[in-house]
Protein backbone atom coordinates (compact mmCIF):
# COMPACT_ATOMS: atom_id res chain seq x y z
CA UNK A 1 0.00 0.00 0.00
CA UNK A 2 1.55 3.34 -1.02
CA UNK A 3 2.22 5.97 1.60
CA UNK A 4 -0.32 8.80 1.52
CA UNK A 5 1.22 12.02 0.12
CA UNK A 6 -0.36 14.25 2.78
CA UNK A 7 1.04 12.04 5.52
CA UNK A 8 4.45 11.90 3.88
CA UNK A 9 4.59 15.70 3.68
CA UNK A 10 4.42 16.07 7.47
CA UNK A 11 6.62 13.15 8.54
CA UNK A 12 10.07 13.86 9.94
CA UNK A 13 12.76 11.76 11.55
CA UNK A 14 11.93 11.33 15.25
CA UNK A 15 15.59 11.68 16.17
CA UNK A 16 16.74 14.84 14.36
CA UNK A 17 13.37 16.22 13.14
CA UNK A 18 14.75 16.46 9.60
CA UNK A 19 13.08 15.37 6.35
CA UNK A 20 12.95 11.76 5.26
CA UNK A 21 13.38 10.20 1.83
CA UNK A 22 10.86 7.65 0.60
CA UNK A 23 12.56 4.52 -0.76
CA UNK A 24 9.98 2.58 -2.71
CA UNK A 25 7.01 1.67 -0.56
CA UNK A 26 9.15 -0.08 2.01
CA UNK A 27 11.22 2.50 3.87
CA UNK A 28 11.63 6.11 4.94
CA UNK A 29 15.33 6.98 5.03
CA UNK A 30 17.26 9.66 6.91
CA UNK A 31 20.51 10.08 4.93
CA UNK A 32 22.02 12.41 7.54
CA UNK A 33 21.92 9.81 10.32
CA UNK A 34 21.78 6.81 7.95
CA UNK A 35 18.63 5.47 9.61
CA UNK A 36 15.92 3.55 7.80
CA UNK A 37 12.36 3.30 9.11
CA UNK A 38 10.20 0.51 7.70
CA UNK A 39 6.68 0.95 6.37
CA UNK A 40 4.18 -1.77 7.34
CA UNK A 41 1.02 -1.88 5.21
CA UNK A 42 1.32 1.83 4.41
CA UNK A 43 2.00 2.82 8.02
CA UNK A 44 5.47 4.21 8.80
CA UNK A 45 7.09 2.81 11.94
CA UNK A 46 8.97 5.86 13.19
CA UNK A 47 10.49 4.37 16.31
CA UNK A 48 14.19 5.10 16.81
CA UNK A 49 14.65 1.77 18.60
CA UNK A 50 13.36 -0.10 15.53
CA UNK A 51 15.26 1.92 12.91
CA UNK A 52 17.86 0.15 10.79
CA UNK A 53 21.30 1.75 10.77
CA UNK A 54 23.00 1.73 7.37
CA UNK A 55 26.76 1.47 7.87
CA UNK A 56 27.75 0.36 4.37
CA UNK A 57 28.57 3.28 2.03
CA UNK A 58 27.35 1.39 -1.05
CA UNK A 59 23.99 0.61 0.59
CA UNK A 60 23.63 4.23 1.69
CA UNK A 61 24.25 5.43 -1.88
CA UNK A 62 21.82 2.84 -3.27
CA UNK A 63 19.07 4.06 -0.93
CA UNK A 64 19.73 7.71 -1.76
CA UNK A 65 19.71 6.95 -5.50
CA UNK A 66 16.40 5.02 -5.22
CA UNK A 67 14.72 7.60 -3.01
CA UNK A 68 12.09 10.14 -3.86
CA UNK A 69 12.80 13.37 -1.99
C-alpha atoms as a PDB file:
ATOM      1  CA  UNK A   1       0.000   0.000   0.000  1.00  0.00           C
ATOM      2  CA  UNK A   2       1.548   3.343  -1.021  1.00  0.00           C
ATOM      3  CA  UNK A   3       2.215   5.965   1.602  1.00  0.00           C
ATOM      4  CA  UNK A   4      -0.320   8.803   1.516  1.00  0.00           C
ATOM      5  CA  UNK A   5       1.220  12.021   0.115  1.00  0.00           C
ATOM      6  CA  UNK A   6      -0.359  14.246   2.782  1.00  0.00           C
ATOM      7  CA  UNK A   7       1.035  12.037   5.524  1.00  0.00           C
ATOM      8  CA  UNK A   8       4.448  11.898   3.877  1.00  0.00           C
ATOM      9  CA  UNK A   9       4.594  15.703   3.680  1.00  0.00           C
ATOM     10  CA  UNK A  10       4.421  16.068   7.472  1.00  0.00           C
ATOM     11  CA  UNK A  11       6.615  13.150   8.539  1.00  0.00           C
ATOM     12  CA  UNK A  12      10.071  13.858   9.939  1.00  0.00           C
ATOM     13  CA  UNK A  13      12.758  11.758  11.554  1.00  0.00           C
ATOM     14  CA  UNK A  14      11.927  11.328  15.250  1.00  0.00           C
ATOM     15  CA  UNK A  15      15.594  11.675  16.168  1.00  0.00           C
ATOM     16  CA  UNK A  16      16.741  14.837  14.357  1.00  0.00           C
ATOM     17  CA  UNK A  17      13.371  16.216  13.142  1.00  0.00           C
ATOM     18  CA  UNK A  18      14.747  16.456   9.599  1.00  0.00           C
ATOM     19  CA  UNK A  19      13.083  15.373   6.349  1.00  0.00           C
ATOM     20  CA  UNK A  20      12.949  11.755   5.263  1.00  0.00           C
ATOM     21  CA  UNK A  21      13.378  10.201   1.832  1.00  0.00           C
ATOM     22  CA  UNK A  22      10.856   7.648   0.599  1.00  0.00           C
ATOM     23  CA  UNK A  23      12.564   4.522  -0.756  1.00  0.00           C
ATOM     24  CA  UNK A  24       9.980   2.584  -2.714  1.00  0.00           C
ATOM     25  CA  UNK A  25       7.010   1.668  -0.556  1.00  0.00           C
ATOM     26  CA  UNK A  26       9.146  -0.080   2.010  1.00  0.00           C
ATOM     27  CA  UNK A  27      11.216   2.505   3.874  1.00  0.00           C
ATOM     28  CA  UNK A  28      11.627   6.106   4.944  1.00  0.00           C
ATOM     29  CA  UNK A  29      15.326   6.978   5.033  1.00  0.00           C
ATOM     30  CA  UNK A  30      17.257   9.655   6.908  1.00  0.00           C
ATOM     31  CA  UNK A  31      20.508  10.079   4.933  1.00  0.00           C
ATOM     32  CA  UNK A  32      22.024  12.413   7.544  1.00  0.00           C
ATOM     33  CA  UNK A  33      21.922   9.805  10.315  1.00  0.00           C
ATOM     34  CA  UNK A  34      21.781   6.810   7.954  1.00  0.00           C
ATOM     35  CA  UNK A  35      18.635   5.474   9.609  1.00  0.00           C
ATOM     36  CA  UNK A  36      15.919   3.548   7.799  1.00  0.00           C
ATOM     37  CA  UNK A  37      12.359   3.302   9.106  1.00  0.00           C
ATOM     38  CA  UNK A  38      10.198   0.507   7.704  1.00  0.00           C
ATOM     39  CA  UNK A  39       6.684   0.946   6.367  1.00  0.00           C
ATOM     40  CA  UNK A  40       4.177  -1.770   7.341  1.00  0.00           C
ATOM     41  CA  UNK A  41       1.021  -1.880   5.207  1.00  0.00           C
ATOM     42  CA  UNK A  42       1.316   1.828   4.405  1.00  0.00           C
ATOM     43  CA  UNK A  43       2.000   2.816   8.023  1.00  0.00           C
ATOM     44  CA  UNK A  44       5.466   4.211   8.805  1.00  0.00           C
ATOM     45  CA  UNK A  45       7.087   2.805  11.936  1.00  0.00           C
ATOM     46  CA  UNK A  46       8.966   5.863  13.189  1.00  0.00           C
ATOM     47  CA  UNK A  47      10.494   4.372  16.310  1.00  0.00           C
ATOM     48  CA  UNK A  48      14.195   5.103  16.811  1.00  0.00           C
ATOM     49  CA  UNK A  49      14.650   1.769  18.600  1.00  0.00           C
ATOM     50  CA  UNK A  50      13.365  -0.101  15.533  1.00  0.00           C
ATOM     51  CA  UNK A  51      15.262   1.916  12.912  1.00  0.00           C
ATOM     52  CA  UNK A  52      17.858   0.153  10.787  1.00  0.00           C
ATOM     53  CA  UNK A  53      21.304   1.752  10.774  1.00  0.00           C
ATOM     54  CA  UNK A  54      22.999   1.733   7.373  1.00  0.00           C
ATOM     55  CA  UNK A  55      26.760   1.475   7.865  1.00  0.00           C
ATOM     56  CA  UNK A  56      27.755   0.360   4.371  1.00  0.00           C
ATOM     57  CA  UNK A  57      28.571   3.283   2.026  1.00  0.00           C
ATOM     58  CA  UNK A  58      27.354   1.392  -1.054  1.00  0.00           C
ATOM     59  CA  UNK A  59      23.991   0.611   0.593  1.00  0.00           C
ATOM     60  CA  UNK A  60      23.628   4.232   1.694  1.00  0.00           C
ATOM     61  CA  UNK A  61      24.245   5.427  -1.878  1.00  0.00           C
ATOM     62  CA  UNK A  62      21.815   2.843  -3.270  1.00  0.00           C
ATOM     63  CA  UNK A  63      19.073   4.064  -0.933  1.00  0.00           C
ATOM     64  CA  UNK A  64      19.727   7.713  -1.758  1.00  0.00           C
ATOM     65  CA  UNK A  65      19.714   6.952  -5.499  1.00  0.00           C
ATOM     66  CA  UNK A  66      16.399   5.015  -5.221  1.00  0.00           C
ATOM     67  CA  UNK A  67      14.719   7.597  -3.008  1.00  0.00           C
ATOM     68  CA  UNK A  68      12.086  10.139  -3.856  1.00  0.00           C
ATOM     69  CA  UNK A  69      12.800  13.375  -1.990  1.00  0.00           C
END
